């Protein structure tokens, strides 16, 4: 049983998702603003601030340290070729359709090339391997570094993931390989050192916050998961480091919005049981309502989770 009197270093981990922009910019400013906004909300609630510096993840463009650094460049090349050919095609549709249809399809194609392509890349064999090698190693290395900081006995490290879009899939995969039973298979590259911290009781997951997540439709990416769905079997929260009784619920808050086509509820996929009266479930799906309230539909609403006051305030409310 974990020692309730331990002191833990509370470390946020930020993982971005698809990058819809043609020219990707660093996500550090987005991460930093979210971190500061949550801390301000914590102060208003009379709660302690998060003091540990976050682990800030970049993938899929030149800020990455692996082969995935060329992904955004390849997407731009594809878009340039296709859009160049589209301009040469003459469309004799009725005037109203002629004016509106090209605008709609141009936007849709941009979302496809710079959004869906990021996700397609990660769930491909090469993309998954490359991104995992970089991100899993980065997060694991940072966790080990924080545990050894100070030179004395190991520090206890408590990670909280804040992940968006395809980043929720990456973070979920990391947690699964960090906490899955060792006898099932050898751990994937990059998580072995962090797994040793878990076994020693020096590493845990405090919270898992996901925003605009495509985890639910991607449960059909393996035959094993498909069979679970067909057999009405639920996934097990402890396999991703949640539901061990050490911390209060919800351990995983999934923010979603019906106007965001990437965004889905996830709780029904997991064996979360019935919470006690007045208690939250282990996994909580929270609908944000970005589109109608703030006048933005997809794809704009997909990126608005990072600045949503509802998301920020609920993270602060549930963190401690």
Protein backbone atom coordinates (compact mmCIF):
# COMPACT_ATOMS: atom_id res chain seq x y z
CA UNK A 1 0.00 0.00 0.00
CA UNK A 2 1.46 3.43 -0.90
CA UNK A 3 2.68 5.57 1.97
CA UNK A 4 0.08 8.34 2.42
CA UNK A 5 2.65 10.52 4.24
CA UNK A 6 5.09 10.68 1.33
CA UNK A 7 5.98 14.01 -0.16
CA UNK A 8 5.54 14.10 -3.93
CA UNK A 9 6.96 16.33 -6.61
CA UNK A 10 3.90 17.24 -8.67
CA UNK A 11 5.05 17.45 -12.30
CA UNK A 12 2.70 18.45 -15.14
CA UNK A 13 3.32 16.88 -18.56
CA UNK A 14 1.94 18.72 -21.60
CA UNK A 15 1.44 16.82 -24.88
CA UNK A 16 0.04 18.61 -27.94
CA UNK A 17 -1.96 16.93 -30.65
CA UNK A 18 -2.47 17.51 -34.34
CA UNK A 19 -1.13 20.77 -35.71
CA UNK A 20 -3.63 22.26 -38.15
CA UNK A 21 -1.40 25.19 -39.09
CA UNK A 22 0.63 24.98 -42.26
CA UNK A 23 3.67 26.38 -40.46
CA UNK A 24 3.88 24.93 -36.97
CA UNK A 25 4.92 27.12 -34.05
CA UNK A 26 6.34 25.99 -30.70
CA UNK A 27 3.67 25.00 -28.19
CA UNK A 28 5.62 26.38 -25.23
CA UNK A 29 3.56 29.58 -25.07
CA UNK A 30 0.29 27.58 -25.06
CA UNK A 31 1.62 25.25 -22.37
CA UNK A 32 2.95 28.12 -20.25
CA UNK A 33 -0.31 30.06 -20.42
CA UNK A 34 -2.37 27.02 -19.43
CA UNK A 35 0.01 26.29 -16.55
CA UNK A 36 -0.18 29.89 -15.28
CA UNK A 37 -3.96 30.09 -15.72
CA UNK A 38 -4.46 26.90 -13.69
CA UNK A 39 -2.22 28.25 -10.94
CA UNK A 40 -4.18 31.50 -10.83
CA UNK A 41 -7.39 29.51 -10.55
CA UNK A 42 -5.86 27.39 -7.76
CA UNK A 43 -5.01 30.56 -5.81
CA UNK A 44 -8.59 31.82 -6.17
CA UNK A 45 -9.81 28.51 -4.77
CA UNK A 46 -7.43 28.84 -1.81
CA UNK A 47 -5.37 25.85 -2.94
CA UNK A 48 -1.57 25.50 -3.31
CA UNK A 49 0.01 26.36 -6.64
CA UNK A 50 1.82 23.79 -8.76
CA UNK A 51 5.49 24.70 -8.39
CA UNK A 52 7.33 22.08 -10.43
CA UNK A 53 8.21 23.12 -13.97
CA UNK A 54 6.25 21.13 -16.55
CA UNK A 55 7.61 18.66 -19.05
CA UNK A 56 6.79 20.20 -22.44
CA UNK A 57 6.50 17.82 -25.37
CA UNK A 58 6.98 18.60 -29.08
CA UNK A 59 6.53 16.11 -31.91
CA UNK A 60 5.79 15.98 -35.64
CA UNK A 61 7.89 18.95 -36.78
CA UNK A 62 11.40 20.39 -36.66
CA UNK A 63 11.36 20.88 -32.86
CA UNK A 64 11.34 17.09 -32.50
CA UNK A 65 14.63 15.26 -32.13
CA UNK A 66 13.72 12.27 -34.30
CA UNK A 67 12.66 11.36 -37.81
CA UNK A 68 9.19 12.77 -37.18
CA UNK A 69 10.77 16.25 -37.49
CA UNK A 70 10.06 16.07 -41.24
CA UNK A 71 6.33 15.34 -40.95
CA UNK A 72 5.13 18.96 -41.22
CA UNK A 73 7.44 19.63 -44.19
CA UNK A 74 6.06 16.60 -46.04
CA UNK A 75 2.49 17.72 -45.36
CA UNK A 76 3.24 21.17 -46.82
CA UNK A 77 4.66 19.62 -49.98
CA UNK A 78 1.53 17.51 -50.45
CA UNK A 79 -0.75 20.50 -49.88
CA UNK A 80 1.19 22.70 -52.32
CA UNK A 81 0.97 20.12 -55.12
CA UNK A 82 -2.72 19.37 -54.63
CA UNK A 83 -3.81 22.99 -54.22
CA UNK A 84 -1.80 23.95 -57.29
CA UNK A 85 -3.73 21.44 -59.36
CA UNK A 86 -7.07 22.45 -57.87
CA UNK A 87 -6.58 26.01 -59.14
CA UNK A 88 -6.33 24.70 -62.70
CA UNK A 89 -9.70 22.96 -62.57
CA UNK A 90 -12.75 24.92 -63.81
CA UNK A 91 -16.06 24.36 -62.00
CA UNK A 92 -19.34 25.32 -63.73
CA UNK A 93 -21.63 24.71 -60.74
CA UNK A 94 -24.56 27.08 -60.02
CA UNK A 95 -23.37 30.39 -58.62
CA UNK A 96 -24.25 29.83 -54.95
CA UNK A 97 -22.58 26.44 -54.87
CA UNK A 98 -19.72 27.74 -57.00
CA UNK A 99 -18.93 30.41 -54.39
CA UNK A 100 -19.33 28.31 -51.26
CA UNK A 101 -18.14 24.84 -52.22
CA UNK A 102 -14.51 25.77 -53.04
CA UNK A 103 -14.17 27.54 -49.69
CA UNK A 104 -15.55 24.55 -47.79
CA UNK A 105 -13.39 22.00 -49.59
CA UNK A 106 -10.29 24.14 -49.30
CA UNK A 107 -10.75 24.29 -45.53
CA UNK A 108 -11.58 20.58 -45.36
CA UNK A 109 -8.48 19.64 -47.34
CA UNK A 110 -6.24 21.76 -45.10
CA UNK A 111 -7.65 20.07 -42.01
CA UNK A 112 -7.07 16.71 -43.68
CA UNK A 113 -3.46 17.38 -44.72
CA UNK A 114 -2.32 19.12 -41.52
CA UNK A 115 -4.62 17.49 -38.99
CA UNK A 116 -5.69 14.00 -39.95
CA UNK A 117 -2.26 13.33 -41.45
CA UNK A 118 -0.62 13.89 -38.04
CA UNK A 119 -2.93 11.28 -36.55
CA UNK A 120 -2.47 8.88 -39.48
CA UNK A 121 1.28 9.18 -39.00
CA UNK A 122 1.18 8.30 -35.31
CA UNK A 123 -1.00 5.22 -35.75
CA UNK A 124 1.21 3.96 -38.58
CA UNK A 125 3.95 1.47 -37.71
CA UNK A 126 6.84 3.85 -38.48
CA UNK A 127 5.18 6.90 -36.93
CA UNK A 128 4.19 5.14 -33.75
CA UNK A 129 7.68 3.74 -33.29
CA UNK A 130 9.40 7.06 -34.00
CA UNK A 131 7.17 9.24 -31.82
CA UNK A 132 7.27 6.72 -28.99
CA UNK A 133 11.06 6.51 -29.08
CA UNK A 134 11.27 10.28 -28.69
CA UNK A 135 8.41 11.07 -26.33
CA UNK A 136 8.52 8.02 -24.12
CA UNK A 137 12.25 8.50 -23.64
CA UNK A 138 11.83 12.23 -22.91
CA UNK A 139 9.10 11.75 -20.31
CA UNK A 140 10.82 8.76 -18.72
CA UNK A 141 14.16 10.56 -18.59
CA UNK A 142 12.58 13.64 -17.00
CA UNK A 143 10.79 11.52 -14.40
CA UNK A 144 14.04 9.78 -13.48
CA UNK A 145 15.88 13.13 -13.35
CA UNK A 146 13.30 14.64 -11.00
CA UNK A 147 13.48 11.54 -8.79
CA UNK A 148 17.27 11.90 -8.44
CA UNK A 149 17.39 15.68 -8.08
CA UNK A 150 19.06 16.77 -4.87
CA UNK A 151 21.42 13.83 -4.57
CA UNK A 152 19.74 12.25 -1.53
CA UNK A 153 17.20 9.43 -1.36
CA UNK A 154 14.96 9.22 -4.42
CA UNK A 155 12.28 11.88 -4.67
CA UNK A 156 8.73 10.69 -5.20
CA UNK A 157 7.48 11.91 -8.57
CA UNK A 158 3.79 12.41 -9.32
CA UNK A 159 2.94 13.05 -12.97
CA UNK A 160 -0.18 14.82 -14.22
CA UNK A 161 -0.76 14.62 -17.96
CA UNK A 162 -2.54 17.40 -19.84
CA UNK A 163 -2.94 16.13 -23.39
CA UNK A 164 -4.81 17.40 -26.42
CA UNK A 165 -6.09 15.69 -29.57
CA UNK A 166 -3.68 13.04 -30.91
CA UNK A 167 -1.50 13.81 -27.87
CA UNK A 168 -4.11 12.07 -25.73
CA UNK A 169 -3.49 8.86 -27.66
CA UNK A 170 0.28 9.20 -27.23
CA UNK A 171 -0.07 9.91 -23.49
CA UNK A 172 -2.51 7.02 -23.04
CA UNK A 173 -0.11 4.67 -24.84
CA UNK A 174 2.72 5.85 -22.57
CA UNK A 175 0.67 5.16 -19.44
CA UNK A 176 -0.36 1.74 -20.71
CA UNK A 177 3.23 0.68 -21.35
CA UNK A 178 4.34 2.21 -18.06
CA UNK A 179 1.85 0.30 -15.90
CA UNK A 180 0.95 -2.86 -17.84
CA UNK A 181 1.92 -6.16 -16.27
CA UNK A 182 5.56 -6.98 -17.05
CA UNK A 183 4.84 -10.60 -17.91
CA UNK A 184 2.57 -9.60 -20.81
CA UNK A 185 5.57 -8.54 -22.87
CA UNK A 186 8.82 -6.68 -22.67
CA UNK A 187 8.24 -2.95 -22.12
CA UNK A 188 8.60 -0.74 -25.18
CA UNK A 189 11.80 1.22 -25.53
CA UNK A 190 11.96 4.33 -23.39
CA UNK A 191 9.86 3.36 -20.38
CA UNK A 192 12.06 0.78 -18.63
CA UNK A 193 13.69 3.24 -16.19
CA UNK A 194 10.36 4.85 -15.32
CA UNK A 195 8.84 1.40 -14.74
CA UNK A 196 11.54 0.76 -12.14
CA UNK A 197 10.43 3.91 -10.31
CA UNK A 198 6.83 2.67 -10.40
CA UNK A 199 7.86 -0.70 -8.95
CA UNK A 200 9.84 1.05 -6.21
CA UNK A 201 6.84 3.20 -5.30
CA UNK A 202 8.57 6.42 -6.37
CA UNK A 203 6.44 7.25 -9.42
CA UNK A 204 2.68 7.62 -9.75
CA UNK A 205 0.05 9.35 -11.88
CA UNK A 206 -1.96 11.99 -10.05
CA UNK A 207 -4.32 13.08 -12.82
CA UNK A 208 -4.89 12.49 -16.52
CA UNK A 209 -6.59 15.39 -18.32
CA UNK A 210 -7.52 14.86 -21.97
CA UNK A 211 -9.04 17.42 -24.35
CA UNK A 212 -10.53 16.87 -27.81
CA UNK A 213 -9.55 13.21 -27.70
CA UNK A 214 -9.86 10.65 -30.54
CA UNK A 215 -9.04 7.76 -28.19
CA UNK A 216 -12.54 6.28 -28.53
CA UNK A 217 -12.67 5.73 -32.32
CA UNK A 218 -9.06 4.55 -32.26
CA UNK A 219 -9.99 1.56 -30.10
CA UNK A 220 -10.50 -0.21 -33.43
CA UNK A 221 -6.82 0.05 -34.36
CA UNK A 222 -5.93 -3.37 -32.89
CA UNK A 223 -7.65 -6.75 -33.17
CA UNK A 224 -7.40 -7.23 -29.41
CA UNK A 225 -9.32 -4.06 -28.67
CA UNK A 226 -11.89 -4.84 -31.35
CA UNK A 227 -12.51 -8.23 -29.74
CA UNK A 228 -12.96 -6.59 -26.33
CA UNK A 229 -15.62 -4.32 -27.80
CA UNK A 230 -17.39 -7.23 -29.49
CA UNK A 231 -17.33 -9.23 -26.23
CA UNK A 232 -18.55 -6.21 -24.21
CA UNK A 233 -15.38 -6.29 -22.12
CA UNK A 234 -14.22 -3.11 -20.43
CA UNK A 235 -10.69 -1.76 -20.21
CA UNK A 236 -9.06 -1.66 -16.78
CA UNK A 237 -8.08 1.76 -15.30
CA UNK A 238 -5.18 0.35 -13.19
CA UNK A 239 -3.50 -0.69 -16.45
CA UNK A 240 -2.86 3.02 -17.07
CA UNK A 241 -1.97 3.82 -13.46
CA UNK A 242 -5.42 4.91 -12.29
CA UNK A 243 -7.90 3.59 -9.79
CA UNK A 244 -5.47 2.34 -7.14
CA UNK A 245 -7.37 4.03 -4.29
CA UNK A 246 -4.47 6.26 -3.27
CA UNK A 247 -5.96 9.49 -4.60
CA UNK A 248 -9.45 10.94 -4.86
CA UNK A 249 -11.54 10.69 -8.01
CA UNK A 250 -11.77 11.66 -10.78
CA UNK A 251 -8.32 10.45 -11.78
CA UNK A 252 -9.03 11.00 -15.47
CA UNK A 253 -11.08 13.97 -16.68
CA UNK A 254 -11.87 13.89 -20.38
CA UNK A 255 -13.03 17.23 -21.81
CA UNK A 256 -15.00 16.89 -25.02
CA UNK A 257 -17.31 18.91 -27.24
CA UNK A 258 -19.99 17.76 -29.67
CA UNK A 259 -18.95 20.38 -32.26
CA UNK A 260 -15.39 18.99 -32.37
CA UNK A 261 -15.33 15.92 -34.60
CA UNK A 262 -12.07 14.68 -33.00
CA UNK A 263 -13.63 14.86 -29.55
CA UNK A 264 -15.32 11.90 -27.84
CA UNK A 265 -16.44 10.60 -24.44
CA UNK A 266 -14.25 7.76 -23.13
CA UNK A 267 -15.66 6.62 -19.80
CA UNK A 268 -17.94 3.91 -21.23
CA UNK A 269 -14.88 2.04 -22.52
CA UNK A 270 -13.52 1.41 -19.01
CA UNK A 271 -14.58 -0.61 -16.00
CA UNK A 272 -15.14 2.35 -13.69
CA UNK A 273 -17.76 0.73 -11.44
CA UNK A 274 -20.35 2.65 -9.47
CA UNK A 275 -18.94 5.50 -7.36
CA UNK A 276 -20.05 5.82 -3.76
CA UNK A 277 -22.84 8.36 -3.10
CA UNK A 278 -21.44 11.86 -3.45
CA UNK A 279 -18.21 10.61 -5.03
CA UNK A 280 -16.94 11.14 -8.57
CA UNK A 281 -16.17 8.18 -10.86
CA UNK A 282 -12.56 7.30 -11.67
CA UNK A 283 -13.08 8.61 -15.21
CA UNK A 284 -15.29 11.63 -15.82
CA UNK A 285 -16.39 12.91 -19.22
CA UNK A 286 -17.03 16.67 -19.13
CA UNK A 287 -18.75 18.34 -22.07
CA UNK A 288 -17.36 21.84 -22.55
CA UNK A 289 -19.72 23.43 -25.10
CA UNK A 290 -17.10 25.41 -26.99
CA UNK A 291 -18.92 25.90 -30.29
CA UNK A 292 -22.30 27.33 -29.28
CA UNK A 293 -21.01 29.41 -26.36
CA UNK A 294 -18.04 31.01 -28.08
CA UNK A 295 -19.31 31.01 -31.64
CA UNK A 296 -16.78 28.58 -33.06
CA UNK A 297 -17.37 25.35 -34.90
CA UNK A 298 -14.89 22.76 -36.15
CA UNK A 299 -12.00 23.07 -36.81
CA UNK A 300 -11.59 26.23 -34.71
CA UNK A 301 -13.22 24.77 -31.62
CA UNK A 302 -10.75 21.86 -31.60
CA UNK A 303 -7.94 24.09 -30.35
CA UNK A 304 -10.03 26.13 -27.91
CA UNK A 305 -9.78 23.67 -25.01
CA UNK A 306 -6.40 25.19 -24.08
CA UNK A 307 -8.01 28.58 -23.32
CA UNK A 308 -11.43 27.46 -22.06
CA UNK A 309 -12.18 28.86 -18.61
CA UNK A 310 -14.37 25.83 -17.92
CA UNK A 311 -11.45 23.50 -18.60
CA UNK A 312 -8.93 25.59 -16.65
CA UNK A 313 -11.18 26.02 -13.63
CA UNK A 314 -12.14 22.35 -13.55
CA UNK A 315 -8.50 21.28 -13.70
CA UNK A 316 -7.83 23.56 -10.71
CA UNK A 317 -10.90 22.25 -8.88
CA UNK A 318 -9.94 18.59 -9.30
CA UNK A 319 -6.12 18.69 -9.20
CA UNK A 320 -5.54 18.42 -5.43
